[in-house]
N, C-alpha and C. Protein backbone atom coordinates (compact mmCIF):
# COMPACT_ATOMS: atom_id res chain seq x y z
N ARG A 1 -2.82 -20.98 -34.09
CA ARG A 1 -1.70 -21.59 -34.16
C ARG A 1 -0.97 -20.00 -34.42
N LEU A 2 0.73 -20.10 -34.55
CA LEU A 2 1.04 -19.01 -34.47
C LEU A 2 1.64 -18.48 -35.87
N THR A 3 1.69 -16.56 -35.85
CA THR A 3 2.01 -16.74 -36.98
C THR A 3 3.36 -17.43 -37.24
N ASP A 4 3.73 -17.04 -38.31
CA ASP A 4 5.01 -17.05 -38.81
C ASP A 4 6.80 -16.23 -38.11
N ALA A 5 6.20 -15.12 -38.02
CA ALA A 5 7.16 -14.30 -37.11
C ALA A 5 7.23 -14.93 -36.06
N ALA A 6 6.49 -15.72 -35.37
CA ALA A 6 6.31 -15.34 -33.97
C ALA A 6 6.52 -17.01 -33.76
N GLU A 7 6.72 -17.74 -34.79
CA GLU A 7 7.42 -19.19 -34.07
C GLU A 7 8.93 -19.32 -33.46
N PRO A 8 9.70 -18.62 -34.28
CA PRO A 8 10.94 -18.99 -33.71
C PRO A 8 11.35 -18.16 -33.14
N VAL A 9 9.97 -16.90 -32.40
CA VAL A 9 10.54 -16.71 -31.05
C VAL A 9 9.99 -17.67 -30.17
N TRP A 10 8.44 -18.30 -30.23
CA TRP A 10 8.04 -19.38 -29.40
C TRP A 10 9.39 -20.24 -29.99
N GLU A 11 10.48 -20.39 -30.58
CA GLU A 11 10.64 -21.69 -30.02
C GLU A 11 12.50 -21.06 -28.53
N ARG A 12 12.40 -19.64 -29.13
CA ARG A 12 13.66 -19.63 -28.44
C ARG A 12 13.03 -19.27 -26.57
N ILE A 13 12.21 -19.23 -26.63
CA ILE A 13 11.20 -19.09 -25.23
C ILE A 13 11.50 -20.30 -24.56
N THR A 14 10.30 -21.13 -25.58
CA THR A 14 10.93 -22.76 -25.14
C THR A 14 12.36 -23.77 -25.10
N GLU A 15 13.53 -22.82 -25.94
CA GLU A 15 14.31 -23.66 -25.19
C GLU A 15 14.79 -23.01 -23.86
N CYS A 16 14.29 -21.58 -23.66
CA CYS A 16 14.67 -21.47 -22.58
C CYS A 16 14.23 -22.03 -21.17
N ALA A 17 13.30 -21.82 -21.54
CA ALA A 17 12.36 -22.25 -20.42
C ALA A 17 13.10 -23.95 -20.19
N ARG A 18 13.42 -24.15 -21.52
CA ARG A 18 13.71 -26.20 -21.29
C ARG A 18 15.59 -26.11 -21.34
N GLU A 19 15.99 -25.24 -20.43
CA GLU A 19 17.16 -25.10 -20.66
C GLU A 19 17.38 -24.33 -18.77
N LEU A 20 16.63 -23.84 -18.56
CA LEU A 20 16.27 -23.30 -17.10
C LEU A 20 16.02 -24.42 -16.46
N ARG A 21 14.73 -25.13 -16.63
CA ARG A 21 14.45 -25.95 -15.91
C ARG A 21 15.72 -27.60 -15.76
N GLN A 22 16.17 -27.28 -16.79
CA GLN A 22 17.51 -28.61 -16.23
C GLN A 22 18.62 -28.03 -15.10
N ALA A 23 18.93 -26.78 -15.16
CA ALA A 23 19.95 -26.10 -14.58
C ALA A 23 19.01 -25.64 -13.22
N ALA A 24 17.87 -25.97 -13.04
CA ALA A 24 17.35 -25.90 -11.68
C ALA A 24 16.85 -27.51 -11.22
N ALA A 25 17.28 -28.41 -12.01
CA ALA A 25 17.36 -29.70 -11.43
C ALA A 25 18.87 -30.29 -11.65
N ALA A 26 19.29 -29.73 -11.50
CA ALA A 26 21.13 -30.13 -11.83
C ALA A 26 20.78 -31.17 -10.90
N GLY A 27 21.47 -32.06 -10.75
CA GLY A 27 21.89 -32.92 -9.73
C GLY A 27 20.79 -33.56 -8.57
N MET A 28 19.68 -33.46 -9.22
CA MET A 28 18.48 -33.72 -8.77
C MET A 28 17.88 -35.24 -9.26
N THR A 29 17.83 -36.34 -8.54
CA THR A 29 17.41 -37.49 -8.96
C THR A 29 16.39 -37.64 -9.40
N GLU A 30 15.75 -38.27 -10.08
CA GLU A 30 14.58 -38.48 -10.74
C GLU A 30 13.65 -38.25 -9.92
N GLN A 31 13.17 -38.90 -8.54
CA GLN A 31 12.39 -39.53 -7.19
C GLN A 31 12.48 -37.57 -7.34
N GLU A 32 13.38 -37.60 -6.80
CA GLU A 32 13.63 -35.96 -6.07
C GLU A 32 13.11 -34.84 -7.34
N ARG A 33 12.87 -34.71 -8.45
CA ARG A 33 12.25 -34.04 -9.55
C ARG A 33 10.71 -34.22 -9.54
N LEU A 34 9.77 -35.57 -9.17
CA LEU A 34 8.99 -35.63 -9.27
C LEU A 34 8.08 -34.66 -7.51
N GLN A 35 8.92 -35.32 -6.66
CA GLN A 35 8.32 -34.76 -5.14
C GLN A 35 8.37 -33.49 -5.78
N LEU A 36 10.18 -32.60 -5.89
CA LEU A 36 9.83 -31.57 -6.28
C LEU A 36 8.40 -30.96 -6.85
N LYS A 37 7.79 -31.39 -8.06
CA LYS A 37 6.79 -31.05 -8.67
C LYS A 37 6.20 -31.14 -8.33
N SER A 38 5.51 -32.58 -6.90
CA SER A 38 4.27 -32.67 -6.70
C SER A 38 4.65 -31.54 -5.06
N LEU A 39 5.24 -31.37 -4.42
CA LEU A 39 5.59 -30.78 -3.20
C LEU A 39 4.62 -28.67 -3.66
N LEU A 40 5.40 -29.16 -5.29
CA LEU A 40 5.18 -27.35 -5.58
C LEU A 40 3.84 -27.33 -5.84
N SER A 41 3.16 -27.88 -7.10
CA SER A 41 2.00 -28.48 -7.28
C SER A 41 1.06 -28.19 -5.90
N ARG A 42 1.55 -28.62 -4.69
CA ARG A 42 0.62 -28.51 -3.73
C ARG A 42 0.50 -26.92 -2.95
N ALA A 43 2.11 -26.60 -2.94
CA ALA A 43 1.95 -25.24 -2.64
C ALA A 43 1.63 -24.10 -3.60
N PHE A 44 1.31 -24.43 -4.63
CA PHE A 44 0.27 -23.97 -6.05
C PHE A 44 -1.37 -24.02 -5.47
N ALA A 45 -1.82 -25.48 -5.40
CA ALA A 45 -3.26 -25.85 -4.82
C ALA A 45 -3.48 -24.53 -3.16
N ASN A 46 -2.95 -24.83 -2.96
CA ASN A 46 -3.10 -24.43 -1.49
C ASN A 46 -2.52 -22.41 -1.39
N LEU A 47 -2.33 -21.87 -2.96
CA LEU A 47 -2.76 -20.49 -2.17
C LEU A 47 -3.22 -20.11 -3.26
N SER A 48 -3.51 -21.38 -4.21
CA SER A 48 -5.27 -20.89 -4.85
C SER A 48 -5.73 -20.97 -4.13
N ALA A 49 -6.64 -21.73 -3.53
CA ALA A 49 -7.73 -21.47 -2.50
C ALA A 49 -8.25 -20.30 -1.27
N LEU A 50 -6.57 -19.73 -1.16
CA LEU A 50 -6.48 -18.84 -0.21
C LEU A 50 -7.86 -17.24 -1.16
N PRO A 51 -7.96 -16.48 -0.27
CA PRO A 51 -9.23 -15.55 -0.86
C PRO A 51 -8.45 -13.98 -0.81
N PRO A 52 -9.40 -13.26 -2.05
CA PRO A 52 -8.18 -12.62 -1.77
C PRO A 52 -7.67 -11.21 -1.05
N VAL A 53 -6.38 -11.24 -1.46
CA VAL A 53 -6.01 -9.92 0.00
C VAL A 53 -6.24 -9.02 -0.04
N ARG A 54 -7.20 -8.49 0.99
CA ARG A 54 -7.69 -7.33 1.03
C ARG A 54 -6.78 -6.23 1.35
N GLU A 55 -6.76 -5.11 0.87
CA GLU A 55 -5.68 -3.84 0.82
C GLU A 55 -5.74 -3.31 1.91
N THR A 56 -4.98 -3.33 2.01
CA THR A 56 -4.25 -2.37 3.64
C THR A 56 -3.63 -0.79 3.81
N THR A 57 -3.54 -0.51 4.49
CA THR A 57 -3.26 0.94 4.79
C THR A 57 -1.81 1.14 4.05
N ALA A 58 -1.02 0.14 4.52
CA ALA A 58 -0.13 0.30 3.09
C ALA A 58 0.36 0.99 2.41
N THR A 59 -1.09 0.65 1.35
CA THR A 59 -0.86 0.16 0.33
C THR A 59 -2.43 1.80 -0.44
N LYS A 60 -3.12 2.04 0.94
CA LYS A 60 -4.21 3.05 0.55
C LYS A 60 -3.66 4.29 0.81
N THR A 61 -3.82 5.59 -0.02
CA THR A 61 -3.37 7.12 0.59
C THR A 61 -3.53 7.29 1.83
N VAL A 62 -3.15 8.14 2.22
CA VAL A 62 -3.12 7.73 3.93
C VAL A 62 -3.51 9.27 3.79
N GLU A 63 -4.44 10.01 4.07
CA GLU A 63 -4.48 10.94 4.39
C GLU A 63 -3.76 12.01 5.67
N THR A 64 -3.01 12.99 5.91
CA THR A 64 -2.71 13.48 7.35
C THR A 64 -3.20 14.42 7.55
N ARG A 65 -3.44 15.09 8.81
CA ARG A 65 -3.67 15.93 9.52
C ARG A 65 -2.42 17.89 9.81
N THR A 66 -2.44 18.22 9.49
CA THR A 66 -1.40 19.17 10.38
C THR A 66 -2.71 20.51 11.95
N VAL A 67 -1.47 19.74 12.55
CA VAL A 67 -2.09 20.31 13.67
C VAL A 67 -1.63 21.57 14.23
């Protein structure tokens, strides 16, 4: 349960999310929206099944030597 102070904030968040979904789906048929949802769900499942990303040298501190 949300606090009384959080309730209007949550309402605004859900309103913004609803407006964003409507804007993103503008011009799409119901069938296209359902297909998009299905494809995005499959992509999410595929990415969720990947093993954790290993740290690469690009993100590690690299020691350098002066010669």
